[in-house]
């Protein structure tokens, strides 16, 4: 007998799963956000498929917005809490933003950390 649990270094979520509405790409392009803009805020995600374990603080996790299968890398987060639903095989949790990428970093992040051309937001 066995089970499958994934160890992740990336919180890749859709808007429906709770990607922060505050992180609007068009607003960021016009006037880049700073991590201080989100200081003290705790965000929640829910129903992420699979039972997952994330890197524990002080180790960072990448924050990625999945937009119709394209991945937009936003920066770094600390996962504060997770809850696993073993029956439905989903993970929910809370996180805080610890770093926001500049536009240049956003464009380079996929190439440096992922390299899957099918999911690159900028291609």
PDB file of N, CA and C in Angstrom:
ATOM      1  N   UNK A   1       0.833  -1.180   0.000  1.00  0.00           N
ATOM      2  CA  UNK A   1       0.000   0.000   0.000  1.00  0.00           C
ATOM      3  C   UNK A   1       0.875   1.239   0.000  1.00  0.00           C
ATOM      4  N   UNK A   2       0.330   2.302  -0.516  1.00  0.00           N
ATOM      5  CA  UNK A   2       1.059   3.554  -0.531  1.00  0.00           C
ATOM      6  C   UNK A   2       0.149   4.696  -0.880  1.00  0.00           C
ATOM      7  N   UNK A   3       0.697   5.869  -0.864  1.00  0.00           N
ATOM      8  CA  UNK A   3      -0.059   7.055  -1.234  1.00  0.00           C
ATOM      9  C   UNK A   3       0.871   8.016  -1.943  1.00  0.00           C
ATOM     10  N   UNK A   4       0.261   8.964  -2.627  1.00  0.00           N
ATOM     11  CA  UNK A   4       1.036   9.950  -3.362  1.00  0.00           C
ATOM     12  C   UNK A   4       0.842  11.314  -2.715  1.00  0.00           C
ATOM     13  N   UNK A   5       1.940  11.917  -2.316  1.00  0.00           N
ATOM     14  CA  UNK A   5       1.947  13.273  -1.786  1.00  0.00           C
ATOM     15  C   UNK A   5       3.019  14.026  -2.549  1.00  0.00           C
ATOM     16  N   UNK A   6       2.685  15.210  -3.051  1.00  0.00           N
ATOM     17  CA  UNK A   6       3.641  15.996  -3.821  1.00  0.00           C
ATOM     18  C   UNK A   6       4.294  17.053  -2.942  1.00  0.00           C
ATOM     19  N   UNK A   7       5.609  17.198  -3.074  1.00  0.00           N
ATOM     20  CA  UNK A   7       6.338  18.279  -2.430  1.00  0.00           C
ATOM     21  C   UNK A   7       6.542  19.359  -3.487  1.00  0.00           C
ATOM     22  N   UNK A   8       6.043  20.547  -3.232  1.00  0.00           N
ATOM     23  CA  UNK A   8       6.068  21.619  -4.217  1.00  0.00           C
ATOM     24  C   UNK A   8       6.928  22.785  -3.772  1.00  0.00           C
ATOM     25  N   UNK A   9       7.515  23.479  -4.754  1.00  0.00           N
ATOM     26  CA  UNK A   9       8.181  24.746  -4.488  1.00  0.00           C
ATOM     27  C   UNK A   9       7.475  25.871  -5.221  1.00  0.00           C
ATOM     28  N   UNK A  10       6.319  25.554  -5.832  1.00  0.00           N
ATOM     29  CA  UNK A  10       5.567  26.522  -6.612  1.00  0.00           C
ATOM     30  C   UNK A  10       4.092  26.446  -6.248  1.00  0.00           C
ATOM     31  N   UNK A  11       3.525  27.595  -5.888  1.00  0.00           N
ATOM     32  CA  UNK A  11       2.085  27.697  -5.689  1.00  0.00           C
ATOM     33  C   UNK A  11       1.517  28.257  -6.981  1.00  0.00           C
ATOM     34  N   UNK A  12       1.034  27.364  -7.820  1.00  0.00           N
ATOM     35  CA  UNK A  12       0.498  27.709  -9.132  1.00  0.00           C
ATOM     36  C   UNK A  12      -1.008  27.533  -9.042  1.00  0.00           C
ATOM     37  N   UNK A  13      -1.727  28.664  -9.059  1.00  0.00           N
ATOM     38  CA  UNK A  13      -3.173  28.625  -8.865  1.00  0.00           C
ATOM     39  C   UNK A  13      -3.894  29.511  -9.881  1.00  0.00           C
ATOM     40  N   UNK A  14      -5.130  29.168 -10.111  1.00  0.00           N
ATOM     41  CA  UNK A  14      -5.993  29.938 -10.995  1.00  0.00           C
ATOM     42  C   UNK A  14      -6.737  30.999 -10.188  1.00  0.00           C
ATOM     43  N   UNK A  15      -7.408  31.878 -10.886  1.00  0.00           N
ATOM     44  CA  UNK A  15      -8.252  32.870 -10.209  1.00  0.00           C
ATOM     45  C   UNK A  15      -9.327  32.173  -9.391  1.00  0.00           C
ATOM     46  N   UNK A  16      -9.901  31.109  -9.934  1.00  0.00           N
ATOM     47  CA  UNK A  16     -10.954  30.369  -9.245  1.00  0.00           C
ATOM     48  C   UNK A  16     -10.440  29.699  -7.967  1.00  0.00           C
ATOM     49  N   UNK A  17      -9.169  29.366  -7.940  1.00  0.00           N
ATOM     50  CA  UNK A  17      -8.565  28.729  -6.772  1.00  0.00           C
ATOM     51  C   UNK A  17      -8.083  29.757  -5.740  1.00  0.00           C
ATOM     52  N   UNK A  18      -8.230  31.033  -6.058  1.00  0.00           N
ATOM     53  CA  UNK A  18      -7.903  32.064  -5.093  1.00  0.00           C
ATOM     54  C   UNK A  18      -6.696  32.920  -5.401  1.00  0.00           C
ATOM     55  N   UNK A  19      -6.257  32.950  -6.664  1.00  0.00           N
ATOM     56  CA  UNK A  19      -5.149  33.858  -6.961  1.00  0.00           C
ATOM     57  C   UNK A  19      -5.593  35.276  -6.600  1.00  0.00           C
ATOM     58  N   UNK A  20      -4.750  36.037  -5.890  1.00  0.00           N
ATOM     59  CA  UNK A  20      -5.162  37.357  -5.398  1.00  0.00           C
ATOM     60  C   UNK A  20      -5.614  38.302  -6.514  1.00  0.00           C
ATOM     61  N   UNK A  21      -6.834  38.802  -6.383  1.00  0.00           N
ATOM     62  CA  UNK A  21      -7.344  39.752  -7.382  1.00  0.00           C
ATOM     63  C   UNK A  21      -6.559  41.056  -7.354  1.00  0.00           C
ATOM     64  N   UNK A  22      -5.900  41.322  -6.218  1.00  0.00           N
ATOM     65  CA  UNK A  22      -5.088  42.535  -6.094  1.00  0.00           C
ATOM     66  C   UNK A  22      -3.916  42.541  -7.077  1.00  0.00           C
ATOM     67  N   UNK A  23      -3.464  41.357  -7.463  1.00  0.00           N
ATOM     68  CA  UNK A  23      -2.337  41.261  -8.404  1.00  0.00           C
ATOM     69  C   UNK A  23      -2.878  41.280  -9.831  1.00  0.00           C
ATOM     70  N   UNK A  24      -3.073  42.461 -10.333  1.00  0.00           N
ATOM     71  CA  UNK A  24      -3.599  42.674 -11.679  1.00  0.00           C
ATOM     72  C   UNK A  24      -2.421  43.022 -12.591  1.00  0.00           C
ATOM     73  N   UNK A  25      -2.212  42.218 -13.625  1.00  0.00           N
ATOM     74  CA  UNK A  25      -1.036  42.381 -14.479  1.00  0.00           C
ATOM     75  C   UNK A  25      -1.016  43.742 -15.183  1.00  0.00           C
ATOM     76  N   UNK A  26      -2.154  44.204 -15.677  1.00  0.00           N
ATOM     77  CA  UNK A  26      -2.188  45.490 -16.384  1.00  0.00           C
ATOM     78  C   UNK A  26      -1.854  46.641 -15.439  1.00  0.00           C
ATOM     79  N   UNK A  27      -2.347  46.585 -14.210  1.00  0.00           N
ATOM     80  CA  UNK A  27      -1.995  47.617 -13.223  1.00  0.00           C
ATOM     81  C   UNK A  27      -0.501  47.563 -12.912  1.00  0.00           C
ATOM     82  N   UNK A  28       0.026  46.348 -12.801  1.00  0.00           N
ATOM     83  CA  UNK A  28       1.455  46.167 -12.497  1.00  0.00           C
ATOM     84  C   UNK A  28       2.323  46.724 -13.634  1.00  0.00           C
ATOM     85  N   UNK A  29       1.861  46.559 -14.866  1.00  0.00           N
ATOM     86  CA  UNK A  29       2.614  47.096 -16.009  1.00  0.00           C
ATOM     87  C   UNK A  29       2.669  48.613 -15.973  1.00  0.00           C
ATOM     88  N   UNK A  30       1.566  49.246 -15.571  1.00  0.00           N
ATOM     89  CA  UNK A  30       1.503  50.709 -15.549  1.00  0.00           C
ATOM     90  C   UNK A  30       2.246  51.302 -14.351  1.00  0.00           C
ATOM     91  N   UNK A  31       2.046  50.707 -13.191  1.00  0.00           N
ATOM     92  CA  UNK A  31       2.712  51.157 -11.972  1.00  0.00           C
ATOM     93  C   UNK A  31       3.060  49.935 -11.142  1.00  0.00           C
ATOM     94  N   UNK A  32       4.310  49.472 -11.240  1.00  0.00           N
ATOM     95  CA  UNK A  32       4.694  48.214 -10.596  1.00  0.00           C
ATOM     96  C   UNK A  32       4.401  48.190  -9.092  1.00  0.00           C
ATOM     97  N   UNK A  33       3.861  47.049  -8.665  1.00  0.00           N
ATOM     98  CA  UNK A  33       3.610  46.825  -7.247  1.00  0.00           C
ATOM     99  C   UNK A  33       4.942  46.616  -6.529  1.00  0.00           C
ATOM    100  N   UNK A  34       4.904  46.861  -5.239  1.00  0.00           N
ATOM    101  CA  UNK A  34       6.037  46.574  -4.365  1.00  0.00           C
ATOM    102  C   UNK A  34       5.543  45.619  -3.288  1.00  0.00           C
ATOM    103  N   UNK A  35       6.447  44.844  -2.710  1.00  0.00           N
ATOM    104  CA  UNK A  35       6.058  43.902  -1.672  1.00  0.00           C
ATOM    105  C   UNK A  35       5.402  44.630  -0.500  1.00  0.00           C
ATOM    106  N   UNK A  36       5.803  45.854  -0.250  1.00  0.00           N
ATOM    107  CA  UNK A  36       5.214  46.636   0.842  1.00  0.00           C
ATOM    108  C   UNK A  36       3.714  46.877   0.635  1.00  0.00           C
ATOM    109  N   UNK A  37       3.268  46.845  -0.622  1.00  0.00           N
ATOM    110  CA  UNK A  37       1.844  47.029  -0.909  1.00  0.00           C
ATOM    111  C   UNK A  37       0.996  45.914  -0.303  1.00  0.00           C
ATOM    112  N   UNK A  38       1.620  44.791   0.026  1.00  0.00           N
ATOM    113  CA  UNK A  38       0.885  43.618   0.519  1.00  0.00           C
ATOM    114  C   UNK A  38       1.323  43.200   1.918  1.00  0.00           C
ATOM    115  N   UNK A  39       2.083  44.081   2.563  1.00  0.00           N
ATOM    116  CA  UNK A  39       2.589  43.782   3.900  1.00  0.00           C
ATOM    117  C   UNK A  39       1.436  43.550   4.875  1.00  0.00           C
ATOM    118  N   UNK A  40       1.540  42.481   5.639  1.00  0.00           N
ATOM    119  CA  UNK A  40       0.521  42.155   6.636  1.00  0.00           C
ATOM    120  C   UNK A  40      -0.699  41.434   6.088  1.00  0.00           C
ATOM    121  N   UNK A  41      -0.791  41.277   4.770  1.00  0.00           N
ATOM    122  CA  UNK A  41      -1.946  40.596   4.180  1.00  0.00           C
ATOM    123  C   UNK A  41      -1.689  39.095   4.086  1.00  0.00           C
ATOM    124  N   UNK A  42      -2.717  38.331   4.375  1.00  0.00           N
ATOM    125  CA  UNK A  42      -2.672  36.877   4.231  1.00  0.00           C
ATOM    126  C   UNK A  42      -3.713  36.505   3.179  1.00  0.00           C
ATOM    127  N   UNK A  43      -3.277  35.730   2.197  1.00  0.00           N
ATOM    128  CA  UNK A  43      -4.141  35.312   1.097  1.00  0.00           C
ATOM    129  C   UNK A  43      -4.476  33.831   1.245  1.00  0.00           C
ATOM    130  N   UNK A  44      -5.587  33.429   0.659  1.00  0.00           N
ATOM    131  CA  UNK A  44      -6.015  32.039   0.744  1.00  0.00           C
ATOM    132  C   UNK A  44      -6.169  31.430  -0.644  1.00  0.00           C
ATOM    133  N   UNK A  45      -5.853  30.157  -0.746  1.00  0.00           N
ATOM    134  CA  UNK A  45      -6.149  29.389  -1.952  1.00  0.00           C
ATOM    135  C   UNK A  45      -6.940  28.165  -1.527  1.00  0.00           C
ATOM    136  N   UNK A  46      -7.650  27.586  -2.479  1.00  0.00           N
ATOM    137  CA  UNK A  46      -8.505  26.451  -2.147  1.00  0.00           C
ATOM    138  C   UNK A  46      -8.633  25.496  -3.329  1.00  0.00           C
ATOM    139  N   UNK A  47      -8.869  24.259  -2.991  1.00  0.00           N
ATOM    140  CA  UNK A  47      -9.159  23.213  -3.976  1.00  0.00           C
ATOM    141  C   UNK A  47      -8.081  23.035  -5.034  1.00  0.00           C
ATOM    142  N   UNK A  48      -6.821  23.201  -4.646  1.00  0.00           N
ATOM    143  CA  UNK A  48      -5.700  22.895  -5.539  1.00  0.00           C
ATOM    144  C   UNK A  48      -5.651  21.377  -5.679  1.00  0.00           C
ATOM    145  N   UNK A  49      -5.682  20.877  -6.892  1.00  0.00           N
ATOM    146  CA  UNK A  49      -5.738  19.428  -7.085  1.00  0.00           C
ATOM    147  C   UNK A  49      -4.492  18.753  -6.534  1.00  0.00           C
ATOM    148  N   UNK A  50      -4.679  17.626  -5.913  1.00  0.00           N
ATOM    149  CA  UNK A  50      -3.585  16.847  -5.351  1.00  0.00           C
ATOM    150  C   UNK A  50      -3.330  17.190  -3.894  1.00  0.00           C
ATOM    151  N   UNK A  51      -2.856  16.199  -3.174  1.00  0.00           N
ATOM    152  CA  UNK A  51      -2.428  16.405  -1.790  1.00  0.00           C
ATOM    153  C   UNK A  51      -0.989  16.879  -1.859  1.00  0.00           C
ATOM    154  N   UNK A  52      -0.740  18.098  -1.360  1.00  0.00           N
ATOM    155  CA  UNK A  52       0.552  18.746  -1.571  1.00  0.00           C
ATOM    156  C   UNK A  52       1.158  19.247  -0.278  1.00  0.00           C
ATOM    157  N   UNK A  53       2.469  19.219  -0.240  1.00  0.00           N
ATOM    158  CA  UNK A  53       3.247  19.812   0.834  1.00  0.00           C
ATOM    159  C   UNK A  53       4.131  20.863   0.167  1.00  0.00           C
ATOM    160  N   UNK A  54       4.198  22.035   0.769  1.00  0.00           N
ATOM    161  CA  UNK A  54       5.007  23.123   0.221  1.00  0.00           C
ATOM    162  C   UNK A  54       6.232  23.364   1.095  1.00  0.00           C
ATOM    163  N   UNK A  55       7.220  24.040   0.523  1.00  0.00           N
ATOM    164  CA  UNK A  55       8.397  24.429   1.285  1.00  0.00           C
ATOM    165  C   UNK A  55       7.941  25.237   2.498  1.00  0.00           C
ATOM    166  N   UNK A  56       8.553  24.974   3.642  1.00  0.00           N
ATOM    167  CA  UNK A  56       8.184  25.664   4.876  1.00  0.00           C
ATOM    168  C   UNK A  56       9.009  26.934   5.043  1.00  0.00           C
ATOM    169  N   UNK A  57       8.399  28.008   5.585  1.00  0.00           N
ATOM    170  CA  UNK A  57       9.182  29.205   5.877  1.00  0.00           C
ATOM    171  C   UNK A  57      10.344  28.860   6.798  1.00  0.00           C
ATOM    172  N   UNK A  58      11.490  29.425   6.564  1.00  0.00           N
ATOM    173  CA  UNK A  58      11.750  30.613   5.758  1.00  0.00           C
ATOM    174  C   UNK A  58      12.089  30.321   4.296  1.00  0.00           C
ATOM    175  N   UNK A  59      11.866  29.106   3.826  1.00  0.00           N
ATOM    176  CA  UNK A  59      12.132  28.784   2.424  1.00  0.00           C
ATOM    177  C   UNK A  59      10.977  29.302   1.577  1.00  0.00           C
ATOM    178  N   UNK A  60      11.297  29.910   0.469  1.00  0.00           N
ATOM    179  CA  UNK A  60      10.308  30.521  -0.412  1.00  0.00           C
ATOM    180  C   UNK A  60       9.643  29.492  -1.313  1.00  0.00           C
ATOM    181  N   UNK A  61       8.456  29.871  -1.794  1.00  0.00           N
ATOM    182  CA  UNK A  61       7.773  29.168  -2.869  1.00  0.00           C
ATOM    183  C   UNK A  61       7.506  30.202  -3.957  1.00  0.00           C
ATOM    184  N   UNK A  62       7.527  29.787  -5.214  1.00  0.00           N
ATOM    185  CA  UNK A  62       7.188  30.689  -6.312  1.00  0.00           C
ATOM    186  C   UNK A  62       5.673  30.866  -6.347  1.00  0.00           C
ATOM    187  N   UNK A  63       5.215  32.073  -6.672  1.00  0.00           N
ATOM    188  CA  UNK A  63       3.790  32.348  -6.852  1.00  0.00           C
ATOM    189  C   UNK A  63       3.522  32.503  -8.339  1.00  0.00           C
ATOM    190  N   UNK A  64       2.628  31.654  -8.856  1.00  0.00           N
ATOM    191  CA  UNK A  64       2.329  31.637 -10.282  1.00  0.00           C
ATOM    192  C   UNK A  64       0.828  31.716 -10.489  1.00  0.00           C
ATOM    193  N   UNK A  65       0.413  32.628 -11.371  1.00  0.00           N
ATOM    194  CA  UNK A  65      -0.991  32.719 -11.771  1.00  0.00           C
ATOM    195  C   UNK A  65      -1.175  31.879 -13.032  1.00  0.00           C
ATOM    196  N   UNK A  66      -2.004  30.861 -12.923  1.00  0.00           N
ATOM    197  CA  UNK A  66      -2.326  30.021 -14.079  1.00  0.00           C
ATOM    198  C   UNK A  66      -3.510  30.668 -14.787  1.00  0.00           C
ATOM    199  N   UNK A  67      -3.243  31.203 -15.980  1.00  0.00           N
ATOM    200  CA  UNK A  67      -4.269  31.882 -16.773  1.00  0.00           C
ATOM    201  C   UNK A  67      -4.496  31.064 -18.031  1.00  0.00           C
ATOM    202  N   UNK A  68      -5.553  30.269 -18.024  1.00  0.00           N
ATOM    203  CA  UNK A  68      -5.876  29.407 -19.169  1.00  0.00           C
ATOM    204  C   UNK A  68      -4.696  28.529 -19.591  1.00  0.00           C
ATOM    205  N   UNK A  69      -3.996  27.983 -18.613  1.00  0.00           N
ATOM    206  CA  UNK A  69      -2.881  27.082 -18.893  1.00  0.00           C
ATOM    207  C   UNK A  69      -1.543  27.768 -19.104  1.00  0.00           C
ATOM    208  N   UNK A  70      -1.536  29.087 -19.131  1.00  0.00           N
ATOM    209  CA  UNK A  70      -0.289  29.850 -19.249  1.00  0.00           C
ATOM    210  C   UNK A  70       0.109  30.310 -17.852  1.00  0.00           C
ATOM    211  N   UNK A  71       1.397  30.211 -17.530  1.00  0.00           N
ATOM    212  CA  UNK A  71       1.888  30.513 -16.199  1.00  0.00           C
ATOM    213  C   UNK A  71       2.564  31.878 -16.157  1.00  0.00           C
ATOM    214  N   UNK A  72       2.033  32.764 -15.308  1.00  0.00           N
ATOM    215  CA  UNK A  72       2.610  34.084 -15.108  1.00  0.00           C
ATOM    216  C   UNK A  72       3.238  34.105 -13.716  1.00  0.00           C
ATOM    217  N   UNK A  73       4.566  34.139 -13.682  1.00  0.00           N
ATOM    218  CA  UNK A  73       5.311  34.137 -12.421  1.00  0.00           C
ATOM    219  C   UNK A  73       5.261  35.528 -11.805  1.00  0.00           C
ATOM    220  N   UNK A  74       4.769  35.617 -10.562  1.00  0.00           N
ATOM    221  CA  UNK A  74       4.579  36.898  -9.890  1.00  0.00           C
ATOM    222  C   UNK A  74       5.621  37.209  -8.835  1.00  0.00           C
ATOM    223  N   UNK A  75       6.207  36.207  -8.250  1.00  0.00           N
ATOM    224  CA  UNK A  75       7.168  36.485  -7.194  1.00  0.00           C
ATOM    225  C   UNK A  75       7.290  35.317  -6.233  1.00  0.00           C
ATOM    226  N   UNK A  76       7.517  35.648  -4.951  1.00  0.00           N
ATOM    227  CA  UNK A  76       7.797  34.635  -3.948  1.00  0.00           C
ATOM    228  C   UNK A  76       6.825  34.759  -2.780  1.00  0.00           C
ATOM    229  N   UNK A  77       6.488  33.612  -2.192  1.00  0.00           N
ATOM    230  CA  UNK A  77       5.568  33.578  -1.052  1.00  0.00           C
ATOM    231  C   UNK A  77       6.086  32.636   0.016  1.00  0.00           C
ATOM    232  N   UNK A  78       5.558  32.811   1.209  1.00  0.00           N
ATOM    233  CA  UNK A  78       5.702  31.832   2.276  1.00  0.00           C
ATOM    234  C   UNK A  78       4.333  31.200   2.474  1.00  0.00           C
ATOM    235  N   UNK A  79       4.289  29.891   2.454  1.00  0.00           N
ATOM    236  CA  UNK A  79       3.056  29.166   2.756  1.00  0.00           C
ATOM    237  C   UNK A  79       2.932  29.137   4.273  1.00  0.00           C
ATOM    238  N   UNK A  80       1.815  29.616   4.784  1.00  0.00           N
ATOM    239  CA  UNK A  80       1.614  29.728   6.227  1.00  0.00           C
ATOM    240  C   UNK A  80       0.829  28.558   6.796  1.00  0.00           C
ATOM    241  N   UNK A  81      -0.027  27.987   5.960  1.00  0.00           N
ATOM    242  CA  UNK A  81      -0.896  26.921   6.449  1.00  0.00           C
ATOM    243  C   UNK A  81      -1.449  26.145   5.257  1.00  0.00           C
ATOM    244  N   UNK A  82      -1.597  24.845   5.418  1.00  0.00           N
ATOM    245  CA  UNK A  82      -2.285  24.044   4.407  1.00  0.00           C
ATOM    246  C   UNK A  82      -3.262  23.097   5.093  1.00  0.00           C
ATOM    247  N   UNK A  83      -4.305  22.774   4.356  1.00  0.00           N
ATOM    248  CA  UNK A  83      -5.280  21.773   4.769  1.00  0.00           C
ATOM    249  C   UNK A  83      -5.472  20.838   3.595  1.00  0.00           C
ATOM    250  N   UNK A  84      -5.314  19.555   3.845  1.00  0.00           N
ATOM    251  CA  UNK A  84      -5.463  18.562   2.783  1.00  0.00           C
ATOM    252  C   UNK A  84      -6.786  17.822   2.958  1.00  0.00           C
ATOM    253  N   UNK A  85      -7.537  17.754   1.866  1.00  0.00           N
ATOM    254  CA  UNK A  85      -8.779  16.989   1.848  1.00  0.00           C
ATOM    255  C   UNK A  85      -8.439  15.660   1.183  1.00  0.00           C
ATOM    256  N   UNK A  86      -8.296  14.622   1.993  1.00  0.00           N
ATOM    257  CA  UNK A  86      -7.853  13.329   1.480  1.00  0.00           C
ATOM    258  C   UNK A  86      -8.922  12.631   0.666  1.00  0.00           C
ATOM    259  N   UNK A  87     -10.178  12.898   0.955  1.00  0.00           N
ATOM    260  CA  UNK A  87     -11.248  12.269   0.199  1.00  0.00           C
ATOM    261  C   UNK A  87     -11.317  12.833  -1.224  1.00  0.00           C
ATOM    262  N   UNK A  88     -11.229  14.169  -1.337  1.00  0.00           N
ATOM    263  CA  UNK A  88     -11.307  14.804  -2.657  1.00  0.00           C
ATOM    264  C   UNK A  88      -9.943  15.032  -3.294  1.00  0.00           C
ATOM    265  N   UNK A  89      -8.885  14.705  -2.531  1.00  0.00           N
ATOM    266  CA  UNK A  89      -7.505  14.859  -3.015  1.00  0.00           C
ATOM    267  C   UNK A  89      -7.224  16.283  -3.485  1.00  0.00           C
ATOM    268  N   UNK A  90      -7.478  17.243  -2.567  1.00  0.00           N
ATOM    269  CA  UNK A  90      -7.194  18.646  -2.839  1.00  0.00           C
ATOM    270  C   UNK A  90      -6.454  19.258  -1.661  1.00  0.00           C
ATOM    271  N   UNK A  91      -5.824  20.406  -1.928  1.00  0.00           N
ATOM    272  CA  UNK A  91      -5.110  21.145  -0.896  1.00  0.00           C
ATOM    273  C   UNK A  91      -5.587  22.591  -0.917  1.00  0.00           C
ATOM    274  N   UNK A  92      -5.791  23.147   0.254  1.00  0.00           N
ATOM    275  CA  UNK A  92      -6.139  24.554   0.433  1.00  0.00           C
ATOM    276  C   UNK A  92      -5.140  25.136   1.421  1.00  0.00           C
ATOM    277  N   UNK A  93      -5.041  26.464   1.471  1.00  0.00           N
ATOM    278  CA  UNK A  93      -4.098  27.023   2.418  1.00  0.00           C
ATOM    279  C   UNK A  93      -4.067  28.527   2.440  1.00  0.00           C
ATOM    280  N   UNK A  94      -3.081  29.033   3.177  1.00  0.00           N
ATOM    281  CA  UNK A  94      -2.869  30.465   3.334  1.00  0.00           C
ATOM    282  C   UNK A  94      -1.406  30.781   3.031  1.00  0.00           C
ATOM    283  N   UNK A  95      -1.177  31.991   2.504  1.00  0.00           N
ATOM    284  CA  UNK A  95       0.181  32.402   2.177  1.00  0.00           C
ATOM    285  C   UNK A  95       0.321  33.908   2.292  1.00  0.00           C
ATOM    286  N   UNK A  96       1.585  34.344   2.415  1.00  0.00           N
ATOM    287  CA  UNK A  96       1.868  35.773   2.353  1.00  0.00           C
ATOM    288  C   UNK A  96       2.918  36.012   1.282  1.00  0.00           C
ATOM    289  N   UNK A  97       2.825  37.159   0.670  1.00  0.00           N
ATOM    290  CA  UNK A  97       3.761  37.544  -0.387  1.00  0.00           C
ATOM    291  C   UNK A  97       5.012  38.121   0.262  1.00  0.00           C
ATOM    292  N   UNK A  98       6.177  37.600  -0.143  1.00  0.00           N
ATOM    293  CA  UNK A  98       7.430  38.101   0.416  1.00  0.00           C
ATOM    294  C   UNK A  98       8.287  38.836  -0.618  1.00  0.00           C
ATOM    295  N   UNK A  99       7.934  38.724  -1.909  1.00  0.00           N
ATOM    296  CA  UNK A  99       8.677  39.432  -2.954  1.00  0.00           C
ATOM    297  C   UNK A  99       7.810  39.490  -4.203  1.00  0.00           C
ATOM    298  N   UNK A 100       7.770  40.655  -4.851  1.00  0.00           N
ATOM    299  CA  UNK A 100       7.049  40.830  -6.121  1.00  0.00           C
ATOM    300  C   UNK A 100       8.082  41.061  -7.215  1.00  0.00           C
ATOM    301  N   UNK A 101       7.971  40.299  -8.297  1.00  0.00           N
ATOM    302  CA  UNK A 101       8.886  40.473  -9.422  1.00  0.00           C
ATOM    303  C   UNK A 101       8.622  41.779 -10.161  1.00  0.00           C
ATOM    304  N   UNK A 102       9.684  42.377 -10.675  1.00  0.00           N
ATOM    305  CA  UNK A 102       9.563  43.485 -11.612  1.00  0.00           C
ATOM    306  C   UNK A 102       9.058  42.894 -12.935  1.00  0.00           C
ATOM    307  N   UNK A 103       8.663  43.744 -13.855  1.00  0.00           N
ATOM    308  CA  UNK A 103       8.212  43.250 -15.164  1.00  0.00           C
ATOM    309  C   UNK A 103       9.300  42.443 -15.859  1.00  0.00           C
ATOM    310  N   UNK A 104      10.534  42.908 -15.747  1.00  0.00           N
ATOM    311  CA  UNK A 104      11.652  42.201 -16.376  1.00  0.00           C
ATOM    312  C   UNK A 104      11.847  40.823 -15.734  1.00  0.00           C
ATOM    313  N   UNK A 105      11.735  40.773 -14.407  1.00  0.00           N
ATOM    314  CA  UNK A 105      11.867  39.488 -13.708  1.00  0.00           C
ATOM    315  C   UNK A 105      10.727  38.546 -14.070  1.00  0.00           C
ATOM    316  N   UNK A 106       9.525  39.089 -14.225  1.00  0.00           N
ATOM    317  CA  UNK A 106       8.378  38.255 -14.625  1.00  0.00           C
ATOM    318  C   UNK A 106       8.637  37.609 -15.985  1.00  0.00           C
ATOM    319  N   UNK A 107       9.165  38.377 -16.900  1.00  0.00           N
ATOM    320  CA  UNK A 107       9.418  37.872 -18.236  1.00  0.00           C
ATOM    321  C   UNK A 107      10.524  36.829 -18.252  1.00  0.00           C
ATOM    322  N   UNK A 108      11.474  36.945 -17.353  1.00  0.00           N
ATOM    323  CA  UNK A 108      12.615  36.027 -17.313  1.00  0.00           C
ATOM    324  C   UNK A 108      12.364  34.795 -16.438  1.00  0.00           C
ATOM    325  N   UNK A 109      11.452  34.891 -15.478  1.00  0.00           N
ATOM    326  CA  UNK A 109      11.252  33.837 -14.483  1.00  0.00           C
ATOM    327  C   UNK A 109      10.912  32.492 -15.108  1.00  0.00           C
ATOM    328  N   UNK A 110      10.029  32.473 -16.079  1.00  0.00           N
ATOM    329  CA  UNK A 110       9.631  31.201 -16.691  1.00  0.00           C
ATOM    330  C   UNK A 110      10.821  30.529 -17.353  1.00  0.00           C
ATOM    331  N   UNK A 111      11.594  31.311 -18.064  1.00  0.00           N
ATOM    332  CA  UNK A 111      12.773  30.762 -18.743  1.00  0.00           C
ATOM    333  C   UNK A 111      13.781  30.197 -17.743  1.00  0.00           C
ATOM    334  N   UNK A 112      13.946  30.867 -16.615  1.00  0.00           N
ATOM    335  CA  UNK A 112      14.943  30.445 -15.636  1.00  0.00           C
ATOM    336  C   UNK A 112      14.488  29.283 -14.758  1.00  0.00           C
ATOM    337  N   UNK A 113      13.192  29.185 -14.474  1.00  0.00           N
ATOM    338  CA  UNK A 113      12.738  28.189 -13.507  1.00  0.00           C
ATOM    339  C   UNK A 113      11.896  27.072 -14.088  1.00  0.00           C
ATOM    340  N   UNK A 114      11.345  27.247 -15.277  1.00  0.00           N
ATOM    341  CA  UNK A 114      10.368  26.290 -15.793  1.00  0.00           C
ATOM    342  C   UNK A 114      10.774  25.708 -17.149  1.00  0.00           C
ATOM    343  N   UNK A 115      10.832  26.549 -18.153  1.00  0.00           N
ATOM    344  CA  UNK A 115      11.288  26.223 -19.496  1.00  0.00           C
ATOM    345  C   UNK A 115      10.290  25.424 -20.344  1.00  0.00           C
ATOM    346  N   UNK A 116       9.067  25.200 -19.857  1.00  0.00           N
ATOM    347  CA  UNK A 116       8.052  24.503 -20.639  1.00  0.00           C
ATOM    348  C   UNK A 116       7.381  25.527 -21.546  1.00  0.00           C
ATOM    349  N   UNK A 117       7.667  25.476 -22.832  1.00  0.00           N
ATOM    350  CA  UNK A 117       7.186  26.479 -23.785  1.00  0.00           C
ATOM    351  C   UNK A 117       5.651  26.530 -23.855  1.00  0.00           C
ATOM    352  N   UNK A 118       5.000  25.406 -23.543  1.00  0.00           N
ATOM    353  CA  UNK A 118       3.521  25.365 -23.614  1.00  0.00           C
ATOM    354  C   UNK A 118       2.874  26.232 -22.546  1.00  0.00           C
ATOM    355  N   UNK A 119       3.556  26.464 -21.426  1.00  0.00           N
ATOM    356  CA  UNK A 119       2.936  27.207 -20.327  1.00  0.00           C
ATOM    357  C   UNK A 119       3.460  28.619 -20.178  1.00  0.00           C
ATOM    358  N   UNK A 120       4.349  29.061 -21.042  1.00  0.00           N
ATOM    359  CA  UNK A 120       4.973  30.374 -20.923  1.00  0.00           C
ATOM    360  C   UNK A 120       3.973  31.474 -21.285  1.00  0.00           C
ATOM    361  N   UNK A 121       3.607  32.304 -20.308  1.00  0.00           N
ATOM    362  CA  UNK A 121       2.643  33.385 -20.485  1.00  0.00           C
ATOM    363  C   UNK A 121       3.073  34.371 -21.579  1.00  0.00           C
ATOM    364  N   UNK A 122       4.365  34.605 -21.715  1.00  0.00           N
ATOM    365  CA  UNK A 122       4.861  35.623 -22.632  1.00  0.00           C
ATOM    366  C   UNK A 122       5.140  35.093 -24.043  1.00  0.00           C
ATOM    367  N   UNK A 123       4.908  33.840 -24.304  1.00  0.00           N
ATOM    368  CA  UNK A 123       5.141  33.286 -25.653  1.00  0.00           C
ATOM    369  C   UNK A 123       3.835  33.078 -26.373  1.00  0.00           C
TER     370      UNK A 123
END
